[in-house]
Amino acid sequence: MRLVYFSPVFARSYSQRPHFAVEALLQRGVESVLWVDPYPARLPQWQDLRWRRGMHDQGTSLDSRITVLDVPPLPVEPLPYGAWLCRRLFWRIAWRKLAAFAAEGRLFKE
């Protein structure tokens, strides 16, 4: 069985409940996991300018059966047509990758 996991936290952040849950599932028969990292779904705020990449990349080691899919969106979903724009630009490719992983256990090669 393959698992597509839409995570509320980044895969490389420090280990949290989602990490432990995925590890437990891998121990109980799931053969591979596609971990979909979260993306911003709100408009940016001034405090976001101080955002550092290191906050979400703590170097957490992942099981070799976990593949991480990062969907790089524009944080414009709340604006009119923002969600439509993100779907057209980013999620179309991501959905192809998700479908290929679910069907064949591999990521779609562009």
PDB file of N, CA and C in Angstrom:
ATOM      1  N   MET A   1       0.841  -1.170   0.000  1.00  0.00           N
ATOM      2  CA  MET A   1       0.000   0.000   0.000  1.00  0.00           C
ATOM      3  C   MET A   1       0.893   1.241   0.000  1.00  0.00           C
ATOM      4  N   ARG A   2       0.480   2.245  -0.753  1.00  0.00           N
ATOM      5  CA  ARG A   2       1.170   3.534  -0.797  1.00  0.00           C
ATOM      6  C   ARG A   2       0.302   4.566  -0.092  1.00  0.00           C
ATOM      7  N   LEU A   3       0.957   5.544   0.525  1.00  0.00           N
ATOM      8  CA  LEU A   3       0.241   6.570   1.270  1.00  0.00           C
ATOM      9  C   LEU A   3       0.634   7.936   0.750  1.00  0.00           C
ATOM     10  N   VAL A   4      -0.359   8.752   0.407  1.00  0.00           N
ATOM     11  CA  VAL A   4      -0.128  10.162   0.096  1.00  0.00           C
ATOM     12  C   VAL A   4      -0.550  10.923   1.342  1.00  0.00           C
ATOM     13  N   TYR A   5       0.409  11.641   1.935  1.00  0.00           N
ATOM     14  CA  TYR A   5       0.167  12.308   3.212  1.00  0.00           C
ATOM     15  C   TYR A   5       0.299  13.820   3.040  1.00  0.00           C
ATOM     16  N   PHE A   6      -0.824  14.523   3.148  1.00  0.00           N
ATOM     17  CA  PHE A   6      -0.831  15.983   3.105  1.00  0.00           C
ATOM     18  C   PHE A   6      -0.534  16.465   4.522  1.00  0.00           C
ATOM     19  N   SER A   7       0.695  16.846   4.748  1.00  0.00           N
ATOM     20  CA  SER A   7       1.159  17.129   6.098  1.00  0.00           C
ATOM     21  C   SER A   7       0.901  18.569   6.520  1.00  0.00           C
ATOM     22  N   PRO A   8       0.614  18.763   7.820  1.00  0.00           N
ATOM     23  CA  PRO A   8       0.483  20.122   8.336  1.00  0.00           C
ATOM     24  C   PRO A   8       1.837  20.736   8.701  1.00  0.00           C
ATOM     25  N   VAL A   9       2.903  19.927   8.668  1.00  0.00           N
ATOM     26  CA  VAL A   9       4.251  20.411   8.987  1.00  0.00           C
ATOM     27  C   VAL A   9       5.212  19.974   7.886  1.00  0.00           C
ATOM     28  N   PHE A  10       6.350  20.653   7.801  1.00  0.00           N
ATOM     29  CA  PHE A  10       7.350  20.319   6.799  1.00  0.00           C
ATOM     30  C   PHE A  10       8.053  19.017   7.162  1.00  0.00           C
ATOM     31  N   ALA A  11       8.404  18.241   6.173  1.00  0.00           N
ATOM     32  CA  ALA A  11       9.032  16.946   6.404  1.00  0.00           C
ATOM     33  C   ALA A  11      10.382  17.081   7.089  1.00  0.00           C
ATOM     34  N   ARG A  12      11.126  18.108   6.766  1.00  0.00           N
ATOM     35  CA  ARG A  12      12.467  18.279   7.330  1.00  0.00           C
ATOM     36  C   ARG A  12      12.481  19.124   8.602  1.00  0.00           C
ATOM     37  N   SER A  13      11.298  19.512   9.101  1.00  0.00           N
ATOM     38  CA  SER A  13      11.259  20.224  10.376  1.00  0.00           C
ATOM     39  C   SER A  13      11.551  19.230  11.494  1.00  0.00           C
ATOM     40  N   TYR A  14      11.675  19.708  12.703  1.00  0.00           N
ATOM     41  CA  TYR A  14      11.953  18.782  13.804  1.00  0.00           C
ATOM     42  C   TYR A  14      10.808  17.781  13.926  1.00  0.00           C
ATOM     43  N   SER A  15      11.119  16.586  14.409  1.00  0.00           N
ATOM     44  CA  SER A  15      10.134  15.500  14.474  1.00  0.00           C
ATOM     45  C   SER A  15       8.949  15.870  15.355  1.00  0.00           C
ATOM     46  N   GLN A  16       7.756  15.689  14.791  1.00  0.00           N
ATOM     47  CA  GLN A  16       6.510  15.994  15.485  1.00  0.00           C
ATOM     48  C   GLN A  16       5.551  14.822  15.278  1.00  0.00           C
ATOM     49  N   ARG A  17       4.323  14.971  15.725  1.00  0.00           N
ATOM     50  CA  ARG A  17       3.351  13.877  15.605  1.00  0.00           C
ATOM     51  C   ARG A  17       3.214  13.330  14.194  1.00  0.00           C
ATOM     52  N   PRO A  18       3.136  14.186  13.167  1.00  0.00           N
ATOM     53  CA  PRO A  18       3.027  13.620  11.813  1.00  0.00           C
ATOM     54  C   PRO A  18       4.203  12.709  11.448  1.00  0.00           C
ATOM     55  N   HIS A  19       5.405  13.070  11.866  1.00  0.00           N
ATOM     56  CA  HIS A  19       6.573  12.236  11.585  1.00  0.00           C
ATOM     57  C   HIS A  19       6.434  10.869  12.257  1.00  0.00           C
ATOM     58  N   PHE A  20       6.012  10.879  13.507  1.00  0.00           N
ATOM     59  CA  PHE A  20       5.869   9.622  14.245  1.00  0.00           C
ATOM     60  C   PHE A  20       4.728   8.772  13.673  1.00  0.00           C
ATOM     61  N   ALA A  21       3.658   9.426  13.244  1.00  0.00           N
ATOM     62  CA  ALA A  21       2.528   8.690  12.663  1.00  0.00           C
ATOM     63  C   ALA A  21       2.948   8.005  11.362  1.00  0.00           C
ATOM     64  N   VAL A  22       3.685   8.714  10.510  1.00  0.00           N
ATOM     65  CA  VAL A  22       4.133   8.137   9.251  1.00  0.00           C
ATOM     66  C   VAL A  22       5.112   6.992   9.506  1.00  0.00           C
ATOM     67  N   GLU A  23       6.015   7.172  10.457  1.00  0.00           N
ATOM     68  CA  GLU A  23       6.950   6.090  10.794  1.00  0.00           C
ATOM     69  C   GLU A  23       6.200   4.853  11.282  1.00  0.00           C
ATOM     70  N   ALA A  24       5.170   5.051  12.101  1.00  0.00           N
ATOM     71  CA  ALA A  24       4.379   3.916  12.594  1.00  0.00           C
ATOM     72  C   ALA A  24       3.671   3.210  11.442  1.00  0.00           C
ATOM     73  N   LEU A  25       3.147   3.968  10.494  1.00  0.00           N
ATOM     74  CA  LEU A  25       2.484   3.357   9.339  1.00  0.00           C
ATOM     75  C   LEU A  25       3.463   2.572   8.478  1.00  0.00           C
ATOM     76  N   LEU A  26       4.683   3.090   8.335  1.00  0.00           N
ATOM     77  CA  LEU A  26       5.695   2.364   7.574  1.00  0.00           C
ATOM     78  C   LEU A  26       6.065   1.055   8.259  1.00  0.00           C
ATOM     79  N   GLN A  27       6.052   1.048   9.571  1.00  0.00           N
ATOM     80  CA  GLN A  27       6.350  -0.174  10.313  1.00  0.00           C
ATOM     81  C   GLN A  27       5.211  -1.183  10.228  1.00  0.00           C
ATOM     82  N   ARG A  28       4.020  -0.711   9.897  1.00  0.00           N
ATOM     83  CA  ARG A  28       2.848  -1.585   9.870  1.00  0.00           C
ATOM     84  C   ARG A  28       2.390  -1.944   8.458  1.00  0.00           C
ATOM     85  N   GLY A  29       3.275  -1.851   7.481  1.00  0.00           N
ATOM     86  CA  GLY A  29       2.930  -2.372   6.173  1.00  0.00           C
ATOM     87  C   GLY A  29       2.818  -1.390   5.032  1.00  0.00           C
ATOM     88  N   VAL A  30       2.819  -0.106   5.290  1.00  0.00           N
ATOM     89  CA  VAL A  30       2.796   0.850   4.184  1.00  0.00           C
ATOM     90  C   VAL A  30       4.159   0.772   3.499  1.00  0.00           C
ATOM     91  N   GLU A  31       4.166   0.576   2.182  1.00  0.00           N
ATOM     92  CA  GLU A  31       5.443   0.375   1.494  1.00  0.00           C
ATOM     93  C   GLU A  31       6.159   1.677   1.156  1.00  0.00           C
ATOM     94  N   SER A  32       5.408   2.747   0.877  1.00  0.00           N
ATOM     95  CA  SER A  32       6.042   4.032   0.578  1.00  0.00           C
ATOM     96  C   SER A  32       5.056   5.167   0.855  1.00  0.00           C
ATOM     97  N   VAL A  33       5.639   6.340   1.140  1.00  0.00           N
ATOM     98  CA  VAL A  33       4.838   7.522   1.496  1.00  0.00           C
ATOM     99  C   VAL A  33       5.271   8.688   0.633  1.00  0.00           C
ATOM    100  N   LEU A  34       4.297   9.394   0.095  1.00  0.00           N
ATOM    101  CA  LEU A  34       4.554  10.664  -0.577  1.00  0.00           C
ATOM    102  C   LEU A  34       4.106  11.752   0.390  1.00  0.00           C
ATOM    103  N   TRP A  35       5.059  12.448   0.976  1.00  0.00           N
ATOM    104  CA  TRP A  35       4.804  13.488   1.977  1.00  0.00           C
ATOM    105  C   TRP A  35       4.658  14.807   1.241  1.00  0.00           C
ATOM    106  N   VAL A  36       3.470  15.399   1.259  1.00  0.00           N
ATOM    107  CA  VAL A  36       3.224  16.680   0.598  1.00  0.00           C
ATOM    108  C   VAL A  36       3.386  17.776   1.646  1.00  0.00           C
ATOM    109  N   ASP A  37       4.444  18.585   1.484  1.00  0.00           N
ATOM    110  CA  ASP A  37       4.713  19.668   2.421  1.00  0.00           C
ATOM    111  C   ASP A  37       3.600  20.721   2.348  1.00  0.00           C
ATOM    112  N   PRO A  38       3.335  21.404   3.466  1.00  0.00           N
ATOM    113  CA  PRO A  38       2.308  22.456   3.448  1.00  0.00           C
ATOM    114  C   PRO A  38       2.788  23.675   2.662  1.00  0.00           C
ATOM    115  N   TYR A  39       1.858  24.503   2.303  1.00  0.00           N
ATOM    116  CA  TYR A  39       2.191  25.724   1.579  1.00  0.00           C
ATOM    117  C   TYR A  39       1.390  26.876   2.167  1.00  0.00           C
ATOM    118  N   PRO A  40       1.834  28.109   1.984  1.00  0.00           N
ATOM    119  CA  PRO A  40       1.110  29.244   2.556  1.00  0.00           C
ATOM    120  C   PRO A  40      -0.229  29.442   1.863  1.00  0.00           C
ATOM    121  N   ALA A  41      -1.272  29.570   2.655  1.00  0.00           N
ATOM    122  CA  ALA A  41      -2.610  29.764   2.096  1.00  0.00           C
ATOM    123  C   ALA A  41      -3.219  31.066   2.601  1.00  0.00           C
ATOM    124  N   ARG A  42      -2.364  31.996   2.946  1.00  0.00           N
ATOM    125  CA  ARG A  42      -2.835  33.301   3.384  1.00  0.00           C
ATOM    126  C   ARG A  42      -1.941  34.363   2.761  1.00  0.00           C
ATOM    127  N   LEU A  43      -2.396  35.587   2.822  1.00  0.00           N
ATOM    128  CA  LEU A  43      -1.584  36.681   2.309  1.00  0.00           C
ATOM    129  C   LEU A  43      -0.387  36.899   3.229  1.00  0.00           C
ATOM    130  N   PRO A  44       0.752  37.293   2.686  1.00  0.00           N
ATOM    131  CA  PRO A  44       1.919  37.533   3.532  1.00  0.00           C
ATOM    132  C   PRO A  44       1.691  38.710   4.475  1.00  0.00           C
ATOM    133  N   GLN A  45       2.363  38.649   5.616  1.00  0.00           N
ATOM    134  CA  GLN A  45       2.325  39.733   6.593  1.00  0.00           C
ATOM    135  C   GLN A  45       3.738  40.269   6.765  1.00  0.00           C
ATOM    136  N   TRP A  46       3.869  41.417   7.420  1.00  0.00           N
ATOM    137  CA  TRP A  46       5.183  42.030   7.598  1.00  0.00           C
ATOM    138  C   TRP A  46       6.147  41.092   8.314  1.00  0.00           C
ATOM    139  N   GLN A  47       5.665  40.352   9.282  1.00  0.00           N
ATOM    140  CA  GLN A  47       6.549  39.462  10.033  1.00  0.00           C
ATOM    141  C   GLN A  47       7.096  38.330   9.168  1.00  0.00           C
ATOM    142  N   ASP A  48       6.459  38.057   8.038  1.00  0.00           N
ATOM    143  CA  ASP A  48       6.946  37.010   7.144  1.00  0.00           C
ATOM    144  C   ASP A  48       8.260  37.388   6.466  1.00  0.00           C
ATOM    145  N   LEU A  49       8.583  38.677   6.449  1.00  0.00           N
ATOM    146  CA  LEU A  49       9.838  39.098   5.840  1.00  0.00           C
ATOM    147  C   LEU A  49      11.033  38.561   6.612  1.00  0.00           C
ATOM    148  N   ARG A  50      10.825  38.269   7.888  1.00  0.00           N
ATOM    149  CA  ARG A  50      11.898  37.720   8.714  1.00  0.00           C
ATOM    150  C   ARG A  50      11.974  36.204   8.605  1.00  0.00           C
ATOM    151  N   TRP A  51      11.112  35.594   7.845  1.00  0.00           N
ATOM    152  CA  TRP A  51      11.056  34.146   7.708  1.00  0.00           C
ATOM    153  C   TRP A  51      12.381  33.637   7.166  1.00  0.00           C
ATOM    154  N   ARG A  52      12.890  32.620   7.786  1.00  0.00           N
ATOM    155  CA  ARG A  52      14.142  32.020   7.346  1.00  0.00           C
ATOM    156  C   ARG A  52      13.895  30.573   6.975  1.00  0.00           C
ATOM    157  N   ARG A  53      14.545  30.127   5.928  1.00  0.00           N
ATOM    158  CA  ARG A  53      14.353  28.760   5.442  1.00  0.00           C
ATOM    159  C   ARG A  53      14.721  27.738   6.509  1.00  0.00           C
ATOM    160  N   GLY A  54      15.703  28.060   7.341  1.00  0.00           N
ATOM    161  CA  GLY A  54      16.150  27.129   8.354  1.00  0.00           C
ATOM    162  C   GLY A  54      15.073  26.748   9.359  1.00  0.00           C
ATOM    163  N   MET A  55      14.053  27.577   9.486  1.00  0.00           N
ATOM    164  CA  MET A  55      12.976  27.271  10.425  1.00  0.00           C
ATOM    165  C   MET A  55      12.276  25.975  10.044  1.00  0.00           C
ATOM    166  N   HIS A  56      12.165  25.703   8.769  1.00  0.00           N
ATOM    167  CA  HIS A  56      11.440  24.527   8.307  1.00  0.00           C
ATOM    168  C   HIS A  56      12.377  23.412   7.835  1.00  0.00           C
ATOM    169  N   ASP A  57      13.662  23.648   7.934  1.00  0.00           N
ATOM    170  CA  ASP A  57      14.628  22.627   7.536  1.00  0.00           C
ATOM    171  C   ASP A  57      15.598  22.396   8.682  1.00  0.00           C
ATOM    172  N   GLN A  58      15.218  21.504   9.563  1.00  0.00           N
ATOM    173  CA  GLN A  58      16.046  21.168  10.717  1.00  0.00           C
ATOM    174  C   GLN A  58      16.942  19.975  10.431  1.00  0.00           C
ATOM    175  N   GLY A  59      16.937  19.512   9.192  1.00  0.00           N
ATOM    176  CA  GLY A  59      17.785  18.392   8.810  1.00  0.00           C
ATOM    177  C   GLY A  59      17.305  17.050   9.340  1.00  0.00           C
ATOM    178  N   THR A  60      16.013  16.946   9.619  1.00  0.00           N
ATOM    179  CA  THR A  60      15.452  15.694  10.106  1.00  0.00           C
ATOM    180  C   THR A  60      15.674  14.588   9.082  1.00  0.00           C
ATOM    181  N   SER A  61      16.240  13.490   9.523  1.00  0.00           N
ATOM    182  CA  SER A  61      16.459  12.376   8.597  1.00  0.00           C
ATOM    183  C   SER A  61      15.135  11.643   8.392  1.00  0.00           C
ATOM    184  N   LEU A  62      14.886  11.290   7.163  1.00  0.00           N
ATOM    185  CA  LEU A  62      13.646  10.617   6.801  1.00  0.00           C
ATOM    186  C   LEU A  62      13.942   9.201   6.339  1.00  0.00           C
ATOM    187  N   ASP A  63      13.004   8.343   6.550  1.00  0.00           N
ATOM    188  CA  ASP A  63      13.098   6.969   6.056  1.00  0.00           C
ATOM    189  C   ASP A  63      13.238   7.007   4.537  1.00  0.00           C
ATOM    190  N   SER A  64      13.988   6.071   3.977  1.00  0.00           N
ATOM    191  CA  SER A  64      14.207   6.052   2.529  1.00  0.00           C
ATOM    192  C   SER A  64      12.922   5.798   1.749  1.00  0.00           C
ATOM    193  N   ARG A  65      11.876   5.332   2.415  1.00  0.00           N
ATOM    194  CA  ARG A  65      10.597   5.074   1.736  1.00  0.00           C
ATOM    195  C   ARG A  65       9.703   6.300   1.693  1.00  0.00           C
ATOM    196  N   ILE A  66      10.194   7.427   2.213  1.00  0.00           N
ATOM    197  CA  ILE A  66       9.425   8.676   2.211  1.00  0.00           C
ATOM    198  C   ILE A  66       9.978   9.588   1.125  1.00  0.00           C
ATOM    199  N   THR A  67       9.098  10.020   0.232  1.00  0.00           N
ATOM    200  CA  THR A  67       9.441  10.990  -0.800  1.00  0.00           C
ATOM    201  C   THR A  67       8.697  12.279  -0.478  1.00  0.00           C
ATOM    202  N   VAL A  68       9.401  13.397  -0.547  1.00  0.00           N
ATOM    203  CA  VAL A  68       8.795  14.683  -0.207  1.00  0.00           C
ATOM    204  C   VAL A  68       8.425  15.421  -1.481  1.00  0.00           C
ATOM    205  N   LEU A  69       7.192  15.907  -1.538  1.00  0.00           N
ATOM    206  CA  LEU A  69       6.720  16.727  -2.652  1.00  0.00           C
ATOM    207  C   LEU A  69       6.469  18.123  -2.122  1.00  0.00           C
ATOM    208  N   ASP A  70       7.198  19.076  -2.660  1.00  0.00           N
ATOM    209  CA  ASP A  70       7.045  20.476  -2.266  1.00  0.00           C
ATOM    210  C   ASP A  70       6.307  21.193  -3.384  1.00  0.00           C
ATOM    211  N   VAL A  71       5.165  21.759  -3.067  1.00  0.00           N
ATOM    212  CA  VAL A  71       4.375  22.505  -4.049  1.00  0.00           C
ATOM    213  C   VAL A  71       4.636  23.984  -3.794  1.00  0.00           C
ATOM    214  N   PRO A  72       5.385  24.653  -4.666  1.00  0.00           N
ATOM    215  CA  PRO A  72       5.739  26.056  -4.428  1.00  0.00           C
ATOM    216  C   PRO A  72       4.651  27.017  -4.893  1.00  0.00           C
ATOM    217  N   PRO A  73       3.771  27.439  -4.014  1.00  0.00           N
ATOM    218  CA  PRO A  73       2.671  28.308  -4.443  1.00  0.00           C
ATOM    219  C   PRO A  73       2.986  29.783  -4.253  1.00  0.00           C
ATOM    220  N   LEU A  74       2.129  30.574  -4.802  1.00  0.00           N
ATOM    221  CA  LEU A  74       2.099  31.995  -4.485  1.00  0.00           C
ATOM    222  C   LEU A  74       1.085  32.148  -3.350  1.00  0.00           C
ATOM    223  N   PRO A  75       1.383  32.906  -2.314  1.00  0.00           N
ATOM    224  CA  PRO A  75       0.425  33.042  -1.205  1.00  0.00           C
ATOM    225  C   PRO A  75      -0.693  34.017  -1.542  1.00  0.00           C
ATOM    226  N   VAL A  76      -1.480  33.698  -2.561  1.00  0.00           N
ATOM    227  CA  VAL A  76      -2.525  34.614  -3.035  1.00  0.00           C
ATOM    228  C   VAL A  76      -3.907  33.978  -3.030  1.00  0.00           C
ATOM    229  N   GLU A  77      -4.071  32.839  -2.366  1.00  0.00           N
ATOM    230  CA  GLU A  77      -5.364  32.157  -2.409  1.00  0.00           C
ATOM    231  C   GLU A  77      -6.535  33.005  -1.910  1.00  0.00           C
ATOM    232  N   PRO A  78      -6.343  33.854  -0.880  1.00  0.00           N
ATOM    233  CA  PRO A  78      -7.501  34.648  -0.424  1.00  0.00           C
ATOM    234  C   PRO A  78      -7.978  35.698  -1.429  1.00  0.00           C
ATOM    235  N   LEU A  79      -7.143  36.095  -2.359  1.00  0.00           N
ATOM    236  CA  LEU A  79      -7.531  37.110  -3.334  1.00  0.00           C
ATOM    237  C   LEU A  79      -8.459  36.511  -4.383  1.00  0.00           C
ATOM    238  N   PRO A  80      -9.279  37.352  -5.016  1.00  0.00           N
ATOM    239  CA  PRO A  80     -10.120  36.836  -6.100  1.00  0.00           C
ATOM    240  C   PRO A  80      -9.248  36.169  -7.172  1.00  0.00           C
ATOM    241  N   TYR A  81      -9.630  34.993  -7.578  1.00  0.00           N
ATOM    242  CA  TYR A  81      -8.927  34.190  -8.571  1.00  0.00           C
ATOM    243  C   TYR A  81      -7.571  33.679  -8.086  1.00  0.00           C
ATOM    244  N   GLY A  82      -7.219  33.887  -6.827  1.00  0.00           N
ATOM    245  CA  GLY A  82      -5.943  33.417  -6.299  1.00  0.00           C
ATOM    246  C   GLY A  82      -5.853  31.903  -6.274  1.00  0.00           C
ATOM    247  N   ALA A  83      -6.913  31.252  -5.782  1.00  0.00           N
ATOM    248  CA  ALA A  83      -6.925  29.789  -5.745  1.00  0.00           C
ATOM    249  C   ALA A  83      -6.894  29.222  -7.159  1.00  0.00           C
ATOM    250  N   TRP A  84      -7.619  29.841  -8.066  1.00  0.00           N
ATOM    251  CA  TRP A  84      -7.617  29.402  -9.460  1.00  0.00           C
ATOM    252  C   TRP A  84      -6.211  29.497 -10.046  1.00  0.00           C
ATOM    253  N   LEU A  85      -5.517  30.607  -9.771  1.00  0.00           N
ATOM    254  CA  LEU A  85      -4.165  30.807 -10.276  1.00  0.00           C
ATOM    255  C   LEU A  85      -3.204  29.747  -9.734  1.00  0.00           C
ATOM    256  N   CYS A  86      -3.292  29.460  -8.440  1.00  0.00           N
ATOM    257  CA  CYS A  86      -2.419  28.435  -7.848  1.00  0.00           C
ATOM    258  C   CYS A  86      -2.702  27.057  -8.443  1.00  0.00           C
ATOM    259  N   ARG A  87      -3.989  26.754  -8.647  1.00  0.00           N
ATOM    260  CA  ARG A  87      -4.328  25.461  -9.262  1.00  0.00           C
ATOM    261  C   ARG A  87      -3.745  25.359 -10.660  1.00  0.00           C
ATOM    262  N   ARG A  88      -3.856  26.418 -11.432  1.00  0.00           N
ATOM    263  CA  ARG A  88      -3.373  26.399 -12.817  1.00  0.00           C
ATOM    264  C   ARG A  88      -1.855  26.323 -12.902  1.00  0.00           C
ATOM    265  N   LEU A  89      -1.163  27.049 -12.017  1.00  0.00           N
ATOM    266  CA  LEU A  89       0.290  27.134 -12.116  1.00  0.00           C
ATOM    267  C   LEU A  89       1.017  25.997 -11.408  1.00  0.00           C
ATOM    268  N   PHE A  90       0.537  25.604 -10.226  1.00  0.00           N
ATOM    269  CA  PHE A  90       1.313  24.691  -9.400  1.00  0.00           C
ATOM    270  C   PHE A  90       0.654  23.342  -9.176  1.00  0.00           C
ATOM    271  N   TRP A  91      -0.646  23.340  -8.907  1.00  0.00           N
ATOM    272  CA  TRP A  91      -1.283  22.086  -8.534  1.00  0.00           C
ATOM    273  C   TRP A  91      -1.490  21.141  -9.699  1.00  0.00           C
ATOM    274  N   ARG A  92      -1.505  21.646 -10.914  1.00  0.00           N
ATOM    275  CA  ARG A  92      -1.664  20.757 -12.066  1.00  0.00           C
ATOM    276  C   ARG A  92      -0.509  19.764 -12.122  1.00  0.00           C
ATOM    277  N   ILE A  93       0.722  20.242 -11.966  1.00  0.00           N
ATOM    278  CA  ILE A  93       1.894  19.367 -11.971  1.00  0.00           C
ATOM    279  C   ILE A  93       1.879  18.465 -10.740  1.00  0.00           C
ATOM    280  N   ALA A  94       1.522  19.038  -9.592  1.00  0.00           N
ATOM    281  CA  ALA A  94       1.494  18.247  -8.354  1.00  0.00           C
ATOM    282  C   ALA A  94       0.484  17.107  -8.453  1.00  0.00           C
ATOM    283  N   TRP A  95      -0.680  17.363  -9.034  1.00  0.00           N
ATOM    284  CA  TRP A  95      -1.688  16.296  -9.156  1.00  0.00           C
ATOM    285  C   TRP A  95      -1.198  15.182 -10.073  1.00  0.00           C
ATOM    286  N   ARG A  96      -0.450  15.537 -11.122  1.00  0.00           N
ATOM    287  CA  ARG A  96       0.121  14.500 -11.986  1.00  0.00           C
ATOM    288  C   ARG A  96       1.119  13.641 -11.208  1.00  0.00           C
ATOM    289  N   LYS A  97       1.933  14.298 -10.379  1.00  0.00           N
ATOM    290  CA  LYS A  97       2.898  13.558  -9.561  1.00  0.00           C
ATOM    291  C   LYS A  97       2.180  12.663  -8.555  1.00  0.00           C
ATOM    292  N   LEU A  98       1.115  13.184  -7.952  1.00  0.00           N
ATOM    293  CA  LEU A  98       0.342  12.386  -6.995  1.00  0.00           C
ATOM    294  C   LEU A  98      -0.283  11.171  -7.672  1.00  0.00           C
ATOM    295  N   ALA A  99      -0.839  11.367  -8.849  1.00  0.00           N
ATOM    296  CA  ALA A  99      -1.478  10.260  -9.564  1.00  0.00           C
ATOM    297  C   ALA A  99      -0.448   9.207  -9.972  1.00  0.00           C
ATOM    298  N   ALA A 100       0.718   9.644 -10.439  1.00  0.00           N
ATOM    299  CA  ALA A 100       1.760   8.687 -10.825  1.00  0.00           C
ATOM    300  C   ALA A 100       2.249   7.912  -9.613  1.00  0.00           C
ATOM    301  N   PHE A 101       2.413   8.578  -8.484  1.00  0.00           N
ATOM    302  CA  PHE A 101       2.856   7.893  -7.267  1.00  0.00           C
ATOM    303  C   PHE A 101       1.818   6.867  -6.823  1.00  0.00           C
ATOM    304  N   ALA A 102       0.558   7.264  -6.827  1.00  0.00           N
ATOM    305  CA  ALA A 102      -0.504   6.353  -6.392  1.00  0.00           C
ATOM    306  C   ALA A 102      -0.631   5.153  -7.334  1.00  0.00           C
ATOM    307  N   ALA A 103      -0.464   5.380  -8.628  1.00  0.00           N
ATOM    308  CA  ALA A 103      -0.628   4.303  -9.596  1.00  0.00           C
ATOM    309  C   ALA A 103       0.602   3.405  -9.703  1.00  0.00           C
ATOM    310  N   GLU A 104       1.776   4.017  -9.682  1.00  0.00           N
ATOM    311  CA  GLU A 104       2.983   3.256  -9.970  1.00  0.00           C
ATOM    312  C   GLU A 104       4.022   3.300  -8.868  1.00  0.00           C
ATOM    313  N   GLY A 105       3.832   4.131  -7.873  1.00  0.00           N
ATOM    314  CA  GLY A 105       4.809   4.218  -6.794  1.00  0.00           C
ATOM    315  C   GLY A 105       6.032   5.044  -7.144  1.00  0.00           C
ATOM    316  N   ARG A 106       5.917   5.880  -8.131  1.00  0.00           N
ATOM    317  CA  ARG A 106       7.044   6.738  -8.499  1.00  0.00           C
ATOM    318  C   ARG A 106       6.507   8.135  -8.801  1.00  0.00           C
ATOM    319  N   LEU A 107       7.391   9.100  -8.798  1.00  0.00           N
ATOM    320  CA  LEU A 107       6.985  10.454  -9.138  1.00  0.00           C
ATOM    321  C   LEU A 107       7.010  10.656 -10.634  1.00  0.00           C
ATOM    322  N   PHE A 108       6.118  11.491 -11.116  1.00  0.00           N
ATOM    323  CA  PHE A 108       6.040  11.854 -12.522  1.00  0.00           C
ATOM    324  C   PHE A 108       7.305  12.624 -12.912  1.00  0.00           C
ATOM    325  N   LYS A 109       7.952  12.209 -13.965  1.00  0.00           N
ATOM    326  CA  LYS A 109       9.159  12.902 -14.435  1.00  0.00           C
ATOM    327  C   LYS A 109       8.769  13.943 -15.474  1.00  0.00           C
ATOM    328  N   GLU A 110       9.200  15.184 -15.211  1.00  0.00           N
ATOM    329  CA  GLU A 110       8.877  16.250 -16.170  1.00  0.00           C
ATOM    330  C   GLU A 110       9.855  16.285 -17.292  1.00  0.00           C
TER     331      GLU A 110
END
